[in-house]
C-alpha atoms as a PDB file:
ATOM      1  CA  UNK A   1       7.615  61.011  56.878  1.00  0.00           C
ATOM      2  CA  UNK A   2       8.209  60.343  53.437  1.00  0.00           C
ATOM      3  CA  UNK A   3       5.640  60.963  50.416  1.00  0.00           C
ATOM      4  CA  UNK A   4       4.910  58.558  47.933  1.00  0.00           C
ATOM      5  CA  UNK A   5       4.712  59.810  44.401  1.00  0.00           C
ATOM      6  CA  UNK A   6       1.296  60.325  42.620  1.00  0.00           C
ATOM      7  CA  UNK A   7       0.128  57.364  40.418  1.00  0.00           C
ATOM      8  CA  UNK A   8      -2.014  56.975  37.232  1.00  0.00           C
ATOM      9  CA  UNK A   9      -3.607  54.200  37.812  1.00  0.00           C
ATOM     10  CA  UNK A  10      -5.946  54.792  34.757  1.00  0.00           C
ATOM     11  CA  UNK A  11      -6.874  52.179  32.322  1.00  0.00           C
ATOM     12  CA  UNK A  12      -8.667  52.196  29.140  1.00  0.00           C
ATOM     13  CA  UNK A  13     -10.682  49.518  27.926  1.00  0.00           C
ATOM     14  CA  UNK A  14     -10.947  47.156  24.547  1.00  0.00           C
ATOM     15  CA  UNK A  15     -12.953  45.027  23.167  1.00  0.00           C
ATOM     16  CA  UNK A  16     -11.151  42.926  20.705  1.00  0.00           C
ATOM     17  CA  UNK A  17     -12.416  40.517  17.891  1.00  0.00           C
ATOM     18  CA  UNK A  18     -10.166  37.798  16.443  1.00  0.00           C
ATOM     19  CA  UNK A  19      -9.628  36.349  12.919  1.00  0.00           C
ATOM     20  CA  UNK A  20     -11.723  33.523  14.324  1.00  0.00           C
ATOM     21  CA  UNK A  21     -14.974  35.085  15.623  1.00  0.00           C
ATOM     22  CA  UNK A  22     -14.054  34.759  19.557  1.00  0.00           C
ATOM     23  CA  UNK A  23     -14.954  37.953  21.293  1.00  0.00           C
ATOM     24  CA  UNK A  24     -13.079  39.791  24.057  1.00  0.00           C
ATOM     25  CA  UNK A  25     -14.632  42.231  26.242  1.00  0.00           C
ATOM     26  CA  UNK A  26     -12.961  45.069  28.473  1.00  0.00           C
ATOM     27  CA  UNK A  27      -9.356  44.459  28.211  1.00  0.00           C
ATOM     28  CA  UNK A  28      -7.548  46.969  30.545  1.00  0.00           C
ATOM     29  CA  UNK A  29      -4.198  48.825  29.008  1.00  0.00           C
ATOM     30  CA  UNK A  30      -2.987  51.485  31.486  1.00  0.00           C
ATOM     31  CA  UNK A  31      -3.876  55.013  30.032  1.00  0.00           C
ATOM     32  CA  UNK A  32      -0.057  55.868  30.743  1.00  0.00           C
ATOM     33  CA  UNK A  33       0.642  53.302  28.077  1.00  0.00           C
ATOM     34  CA  UNK A  34      -1.491  55.543  25.378  1.00  0.00           C
ATOM     35  CA  UNK A  35      -0.289  59.273  25.841  1.00  0.00           C
ATOM     36  CA  UNK A  36       2.152  59.322  22.791  1.00  0.00           C
ATOM     37  CA  UNK A  37       1.320  60.770  19.405  1.00  0.00           C
ATOM     38  CA  UNK A  38      -0.128  57.331  17.863  1.00  0.00           C
ATOM     39  CA  UNK A  39      -3.576  57.242  20.100  1.00  0.00           C
ATOM     40  CA  UNK A  40      -4.720  54.291  20.737  1.00  0.00           C
ATOM     41  CA  UNK A  41      -2.354  51.772  17.983  1.00  0.00           C
ATOM     42  CA  UNK A  42      -0.063  50.717  20.834  1.00  0.00           C
ATOM     43  CA  UNK A  43      -3.097  48.951  22.269  1.00  0.00           C
ATOM     44  CA  UNK A  44      -2.910  46.329  19.486  1.00  0.00           C
ATOM     45  CA  UNK A  45       0.588  44.929  20.194  1.00  0.00           C
ATOM     46  CA  UNK A  46      -0.189  45.471  24.141  1.00  0.00           C
ATOM     47  CA  UNK A  47      -2.374  43.243  23.713  1.00  0.00           C
ATOM     48  CA  UNK A  48      -1.029  41.012  21.490  1.00  0.00           C
ATOM     49  CA  UNK A  49       2.356  40.797  24.543  1.00  0.00           C
ATOM     50  CA  UNK A  50      -1.254  39.793  27.237  1.00  0.00           C
ATOM     51  CA  UNK A  51      -2.196  37.518  25.055  1.00  0.00           C
ATOM     52  CA  UNK A  52       1.577  35.663  24.951  1.00  0.00           C
ATOM     53  CA  UNK A  53       1.419  35.556  28.489  1.00  0.00           C
ATOM     54  CA  UNK A  54      -1.900  34.458  28.973  1.00  0.00           C
ATOM     55  CA  UNK A  55      -1.056  31.276  26.318  1.00  0.00           C
ATOM     56  CA  UNK A  56       2.007  30.620  28.193  1.00  0.00           C
ATOM     57  CA  UNK A  57       0.455  29.782  31.234  1.00  0.00           C
ATOM     58  CA  UNK A  58      -2.735  28.371  29.628  1.00  0.00           C
ATOM     59  CA  UNK A  59      -1.178  26.671  26.880  1.00  0.00           C
ATOM     60  CA  UNK A  60      -4.080  27.463  24.591  1.00  0.00           C
ATOM     61  CA  UNK A  61      -3.006  30.200  21.888  1.00  0.00           C
ATOM     62  CA  UNK A  62      -5.079  32.818  21.293  1.00  0.00           C
ATOM     63  CA  UNK A  63      -5.679  33.458  17.084  1.00  0.00           C
ATOM     64  CA  UNK A  64      -4.302  36.919  15.597  1.00  0.00           C
ATOM     65  CA  UNK A  65      -6.272  40.105  16.108  1.00  0.00           C
ATOM     66  CA  UNK A  66      -9.030  41.032  13.400  1.00  0.00           C
ATOM     67  CA  UNK A  67     -10.654  44.374  15.043  1.00  0.00           C
ATOM     68  CA  UNK A  68      -9.622  46.269  18.109  1.00  0.00           C
ATOM     69  CA  UNK A  69     -11.945  49.170  19.576  1.00  0.00           C
ATOM     70  CA  UNK A  70     -12.314  51.164  22.853  1.00  0.00           C
ATOM     71  CA  UNK A  71     -15.251  49.801  25.194  1.00  0.00           C
ATOM     72  CA  UNK A  72     -18.598  51.809  25.073  1.00  0.00           C
ATOM     73  CA  UNK A  73     -19.405  53.330  28.339  1.00  0.00           C
ATOM     74  CA  UNK A  74     -15.509  53.555  29.596  1.00  0.00           C
END
């Protein structure tokens, strides 16, 4: 019987405020993406990539991000 590699299924949640004042809460980023020396700074580009994918599917683009912060209590 073959063993599976252990996977890290942990996520970090972020609250996003866009330039137009809209909010997006609990946006999920895999914690493995944030393990480098940069801390949470890669999260912005990952959230922007998620926004582009969502915009491509829905046809309604999001505005630029003003503030990104970890969700409290996560």
